[in-house]
Amino acid sequence: MQVSTILSYHPVKKTALILAIVGLVFGHVGAVLAQSDGSTSQEAMYDACLNQARSEPKAAYEAALDWHKAGGGLPARHCAAVALLGLDAFEEAATRLEKLAGEVPDARVDLRLGLIAQAAQGWMMAGRAERSAQLLSLVINVRPNDPQLRADRAVASLALGDYWAAVDDLDMALQGAPKDVELLLYRASAYRYLGVPDLARDDVTRALAVDPDAPGAWLERGILDQIAGDKPAARRAWIKVLEIAPDGMVGDAARARLEALDVAQ
């Protein structure tokens, strides 16, 4: 079992990030706990605390503080940091995760790298894409072939407007997951910003071949149609988005673009 660095590919979605961080490997932390406790009781407490952080972050944070006072150590502090994510205290959570990573013994490099990657996700949630990219680069220097880390850094690069860097990382990530719709759409978006609409459309076409009802793919397709001057096709694509997913960020974006299209006419 490895340290999870999974990102939801929607950095603004708090719940998805917490779900990813709850995936922190219990094996590695359990080994650290065993050195101080010699039993599985603390590991069970850690598991329960992280799961509570997902559903009841305030209660989990308070429980983690009590646990820390009782000698919970690093696992208790990690659970408190995860709970802070659920409370929208993203910068504080990321700061704590970084601090924890710095306190992990040298013999636990895998755990340290996992915590750094999680801190990077927290910074992304806090709107600090530059710091997120910096931390991810530290981990990638050690694990250059990890596709998930590359995908995470690509998200940060997109936020920073560093589109070629995003494409480079997405190319690597897609080697291991060529049918990942969200990765394809991120690369399509990067290509569009770089002024390479043909490559962007290729990725959108691949995404729709995997999932014909992917609202993000229809949104991107409509944008590319509009850039190409085909307003009727753009309208059809955005109406398709509203048919599939009228609510949420993608639906809102399609609705706004349709309204702008109407005003321009």
Protein backbone atom coordinates (compact mmCIF):
# COMPACT_ATOMS: atom_id res chain seq x y z
CA MET A 1 0.00 0.00 0.00
CA GLN A 2 1.49 3.32 -1.10
CA VAL A 3 1.02 6.90 0.02
CA SER A 4 -1.91 8.35 -1.88
CA THR A 5 -1.32 11.56 -3.80
CA ILE A 6 -4.55 11.35 -5.78
CA LEU A 7 -6.08 14.65 -6.76
CA SER A 8 -9.66 14.92 -7.86
CA TYR A 9 -8.63 17.09 -10.82
CA HIS A 10 -11.06 19.67 -9.49
CA PRO A 11 -8.89 21.47 -6.93
CA VAL A 12 -11.80 23.57 -5.70
CA LYS A 13 -13.68 20.47 -4.57
CA LYS A 14 -12.93 20.15 -0.88
CA THR A 15 -14.60 16.76 -0.33
CA ALA A 16 -12.66 15.07 -3.10
CA LEU A 17 -9.35 16.33 -1.72
CA ILE A 18 -10.19 15.11 1.78
CA LEU A 19 -11.10 11.72 0.36
CA ALA A 20 -7.68 11.60 -1.28
CA ILE A 21 -5.80 12.60 1.84
CA VAL A 22 -7.76 10.11 3.93
CA GLY A 23 -6.03 7.58 1.69
CA LEU A 24 -2.72 8.23 3.48
CA VAL A 25 -1.13 4.81 3.85
CA PHE A 26 -1.99 3.27 7.17
CA GLY A 27 0.84 0.80 6.80
CA HIS A 28 3.60 3.40 7.01
CA VAL A 29 1.95 5.38 9.79
CA GLY A 30 1.10 2.18 11.57
CA ALA A 31 4.78 1.30 11.60
CA VAL A 32 5.58 4.65 13.20
CA LEU A 33 2.83 4.11 15.76
CA ALA A 34 4.00 0.61 16.55
CA GLN A 35 7.38 1.97 17.58
CA SER A 36 5.79 4.08 20.31
CA ASP A 37 2.78 1.98 21.26
CA GLY A 38 3.52 -1.58 20.36
CA SER A 39 -0.15 -2.27 19.56
CA THR A 40 -2.77 -1.62 16.93
CA SER A 41 -5.01 0.53 19.15
CA GLN A 42 -3.49 3.84 18.03
CA GLU A 43 -3.69 2.82 14.39
CA ALA A 44 -7.39 2.12 14.83
CA MET A 45 -7.84 5.55 16.42
CA TYR A 46 -6.01 7.13 13.49
CA ASP A 47 -8.20 5.35 10.98
CA ALA A 48 -11.36 6.42 12.81
CA CYS A 49 -10.16 10.01 13.15
CA LEU A 50 -9.40 10.39 9.45
CA ASN A 51 -12.75 8.91 8.47
CA GLN A 52 -14.48 11.33 10.84
CA ALA A 53 -12.51 14.20 9.30
CA ARG A 54 -14.28 13.46 6.04
CA SER A 55 -17.81 13.60 7.45
CA GLU A 56 -17.55 15.64 10.65
CA PRO A 57 -14.41 17.80 10.40
CA LYS A 58 -15.14 19.97 13.43
CA ALA A 59 -15.67 16.98 15.70
CA ALA A 60 -12.61 15.27 14.20
CA TYR A 61 -10.45 18.33 14.83
CA GLU A 62 -11.49 18.48 18.47
CA ALA A 63 -10.96 14.74 18.86
CA ALA A 64 -7.51 15.03 17.26
CA LEU A 65 -6.54 17.77 19.71
CA ASP A 66 -7.62 15.62 22.65
CA TRP A 67 -5.77 12.67 21.19
CA HIS A 68 -2.63 14.76 20.75
CA LYS A 69 -2.78 15.87 24.38
CA ALA A 70 -3.00 12.21 25.34
CA GLY A 71 0.14 11.40 23.36
CA GLY A 72 -1.22 10.83 19.84
CA GLY A 73 1.87 12.34 18.28
CA LEU A 74 2.25 12.74 14.51
CA PRO A 75 -0.89 10.76 13.55
CA ALA A 76 -3.07 12.96 15.78
CA ARG A 77 -1.57 16.10 14.31
CA HIS A 78 -2.03 14.76 10.79
CA CYS A 79 -5.67 14.05 11.47
CA ALA A 80 -6.09 17.60 12.81
CA ALA A 81 -4.58 18.99 9.60
CA VAL A 82 -6.95 16.91 7.45
CA ALA A 83 -9.89 18.09 9.55
CA LEU A 84 -8.83 21.70 8.93
CA LEU A 85 -9.25 21.07 5.22
CA GLY A 86 -12.85 20.13 5.91
CA LEU A 87 -13.23 23.38 7.82
CA ASP A 88 -11.94 25.36 4.80
CA ALA A 89 -8.78 26.38 6.70
CA PHE A 90 -6.69 25.35 3.71
CA GLU A 91 -3.62 27.50 4.32
CA GLU A 92 -3.36 26.43 7.95
CA ALA A 93 -3.81 22.79 6.96
CA ALA A 94 -1.13 23.01 4.27
CA THR A 95 1.26 24.73 6.68
CA ARG A 96 0.76 21.98 9.25
CA LEU A 97 1.24 19.23 6.67
CA GLU A 98 4.52 20.80 5.57
CA LYS A 99 5.67 21.04 9.18
CA LEU A 100 4.78 17.40 9.79
CA ALA A 101 6.74 16.35 6.72
CA GLY A 102 9.80 18.11 8.11
CA GLU A 103 9.53 16.16 11.36
CA VAL A 104 9.30 12.70 9.80
CA PRO A 105 12.45 10.63 10.51
CA ASP A 106 14.91 10.26 7.64
CA ALA A 107 14.18 6.55 7.56
CA ARG A 108 10.57 7.32 6.55
CA VAL A 109 11.24 9.10 3.26
CA ASP A 110 8.12 7.60 1.66
CA LEU A 111 5.92 9.03 4.42
CA ARG A 112 7.64 12.41 4.18
CA LEU A 113 7.09 12.56 0.43
CA GLY A 114 3.43 11.66 0.86
CA LEU A 115 2.91 14.44 3.38
CA ILE A 116 4.68 16.95 1.11
CA ALA A 117 2.41 15.96 -1.77
CA GLN A 118 -0.62 16.36 0.47
CA ALA A 119 0.60 19.77 1.60
CA ALA A 120 0.85 20.69 -2.07
CA GLN A 121 -2.79 19.74 -2.54
CA GLY A 122 -3.72 21.86 0.45
CA TRP A 123 -1.88 24.86 -0.99
CA MET A 124 -3.74 24.34 -4.25
CA MET A 125 -7.01 24.49 -2.34
CA ALA A 126 -5.78 27.69 -0.69
CA GLY A 127 -5.18 29.27 -4.09
CA ARG A 128 -1.40 29.07 -3.73
CA ALA A 129 -0.63 27.27 -6.98
CA GLU A 130 2.99 28.42 -7.02
CA ARG A 131 3.73 26.87 -3.64
CA SER A 132 1.86 23.75 -4.67
CA ALA A 133 4.00 23.39 -7.79
CA GLN A 134 7.20 23.96 -5.80
CA LEU A 135 6.40 21.18 -3.36
CA LEU A 136 5.29 18.78 -6.07
CA SER A 137 8.55 19.41 -7.90
CA LEU A 138 10.46 18.37 -4.77
CA VAL A 139 8.61 15.05 -4.73
CA ILE A 140 8.89 14.55 -8.49
CA ASN A 141 12.66 14.99 -8.25
CA VAL A 142 12.62 11.78 -6.21
CA ARG A 143 9.77 10.08 -8.10
CA PRO A 144 10.08 11.39 -11.66
CA ASN A 145 7.93 8.66 -13.18
CA ASP A 146 4.91 8.97 -10.89
CA PRO A 147 2.00 9.84 -13.21
CA GLN A 148 -0.27 11.04 -10.42
CA LEU A 149 2.27 13.52 -9.14
CA ARG A 150 2.76 14.75 -12.69
CA ALA A 151 -0.98 15.23 -13.05
CA ASP A 152 -1.13 17.15 -9.79
CA ARG A 153 1.67 19.48 -10.89
CA ALA A 154 0.00 19.98 -14.25
CA VAL A 155 -3.07 21.32 -12.46
CA ALA A 156 -0.88 23.81 -10.61
CA SER A 157 0.92 24.79 -13.82
CA LEU A 158 -2.40 25.45 -15.54
CA ALA A 159 -3.43 27.73 -12.69
CA LEU A 160 -0.14 29.59 -13.08
CA GLY A 161 -0.52 29.94 -16.85
CA ASP A 162 2.54 27.77 -17.50
CA TYR A 163 0.82 25.79 -20.23
CA TRP A 164 3.83 24.09 -21.80
CA ALA A 165 4.89 22.78 -18.40
CA ALA A 166 1.35 21.48 -17.93
CA VAL A 167 1.44 19.74 -21.31
CA ASP A 168 4.77 18.09 -20.50
CA ASP A 169 3.43 16.69 -17.23
CA LEU A 170 0.12 15.66 -18.77
CA ASP A 171 1.92 13.85 -21.59
CA MET A 172 3.70 11.76 -18.99
CA ALA A 173 0.55 11.18 -16.91
CA LEU A 174 -1.44 10.12 -19.97
CA GLN A 175 1.13 7.49 -20.88
CA GLY A 176 -0.19 5.45 -17.98
CA ALA A 177 -3.83 6.48 -18.36
CA PRO A 178 -4.50 7.29 -22.03
CA LYS A 179 -8.27 7.21 -21.53
CA ASP A 180 -8.44 9.48 -18.51
CA VAL A 181 -11.07 12.01 -19.61
CA GLU A 182 -10.13 14.73 -17.15
CA LEU A 183 -6.44 14.54 -18.04
CA LEU A 184 -7.31 14.75 -21.73
CA LEU A 185 -9.47 17.81 -21.09
CA TYR A 186 -6.79 19.51 -19.05
CA ARG A 187 -4.35 19.01 -21.91
CA ALA A 188 -6.95 20.21 -24.41
CA SER A 189 -7.37 23.37 -22.36
CA ALA A 190 -3.60 23.88 -22.24
CA TYR A 191 -3.31 23.45 -25.99
CA ARG A 192 -6.14 25.93 -26.52
CA TYR A 193 -4.38 28.56 -24.42
CA LEU A 194 -1.19 27.87 -26.37
CA GLY A 195 -3.02 28.60 -29.62
CA VAL A 196 -2.94 25.02 -30.93
CA PRO A 197 -6.66 24.33 -31.44
CA ASP A 198 -6.16 21.27 -33.63
CA LEU A 199 -4.33 19.40 -30.86
CA ALA A 200 -6.91 20.63 -28.37
CA ARG A 201 -9.73 19.27 -30.52
CA ASP A 202 -7.93 15.94 -30.87
CA ASP A 203 -7.91 15.55 -27.09
CA VAL A 204 -11.58 16.56 -26.83
CA THR A 205 -12.44 13.97 -29.47
CA ARG A 206 -10.54 11.31 -27.53
CA ALA A 207 -12.34 12.28 -24.34
CA LEU A 208 -15.77 12.05 -25.98
CA ALA A 209 -14.85 8.66 -27.44
CA VAL A 210 -14.30 7.45 -23.87
CA ASP A 211 -17.33 9.22 -22.40
CA PRO A 212 -19.84 10.69 -24.87
CA ASP A 213 -21.67 12.37 -21.98
CA ALA A 214 -18.68 14.10 -20.39
CA PRO A 215 -19.99 17.64 -19.81
CA GLY A 216 -16.49 19.11 -19.61
CA ALA A 217 -15.69 17.74 -23.05
CA TRP A 218 -18.77 19.35 -24.56
CA LEU A 219 -17.93 22.63 -22.87
CA GLU A 220 -14.41 22.57 -24.30
CA ARG A 221 -15.69 21.53 -27.70
CA GLY A 222 -18.04 24.50 -27.74
CA ILE A 223 -15.20 26.86 -26.86
CA LEU A 224 -13.12 25.47 -29.72
CA ASP A 225 -16.09 25.79 -32.09
CA GLN A 226 -16.51 29.42 -31.06
CA ILE A 227 -12.81 30.10 -31.65
CA ALA A 228 -13.18 28.54 -35.10
CA GLY A 229 -16.05 30.92 -35.83
CA ASP A 230 -18.75 28.24 -35.81
CA LYS A 231 -21.23 29.80 -33.40
CA PRO A 232 -24.11 27.38 -34.18
CA ALA A 233 -21.86 24.41 -33.33
CA ALA A 234 -20.73 26.15 -30.14
CA ARG A 235 -24.34 26.73 -29.15
CA ARG A 236 -25.21 23.07 -29.75
CA ALA A 237 -22.26 21.93 -27.64
CA TRP A 238 -23.16 24.17 -24.70
CA ILE A 239 -26.83 23.21 -24.87
CA LYS A 240 -25.62 19.60 -24.68
CA VAL A 241 -23.78 20.49 -21.48
CA LEU A 242 -26.99 21.82 -19.94
CA GLU A 243 -28.85 18.68 -20.97
CA ILE A 244 -26.24 16.48 -19.30
CA ALA A 245 -25.23 18.53 -16.26
CA PRO A 246 -27.32 21.68 -15.76
CA ASP A 247 -25.99 22.23 -12.23
CA GLY A 248 -22.45 22.74 -11.03
CA MET A 249 -19.43 24.60 -12.38
CA VAL A 250 -19.50 23.15 -15.90
CA GLY A 251 -23.20 23.85 -16.31
CA ASP A 252 -22.74 27.40 -15.01
CA ALA A 253 -19.88 27.98 -17.45
CA ALA A 254 -21.92 26.72 -20.40
CA ARG A 255 -24.88 28.87 -19.38
CA ALA A 256 -22.70 31.96 -19.11
CA ARG A 257 -21.19 31.34 -22.53
CA LEU A 258 -24.62 30.86 -24.10
CA GLU A 259 -25.78 34.12 -22.58
CA ALA A 260 -22.70 35.92 -23.87
CA LEU A 261 -23.28 34.43 -27.29
CA ASP A 262 -26.85 35.75 -27.31
CA VAL A 263 -25.75 39.22 -26.24
CA ALA A 264 -23.11 39.34 -29.00
CA GLN A 265 -25.66 38.59 -31.69
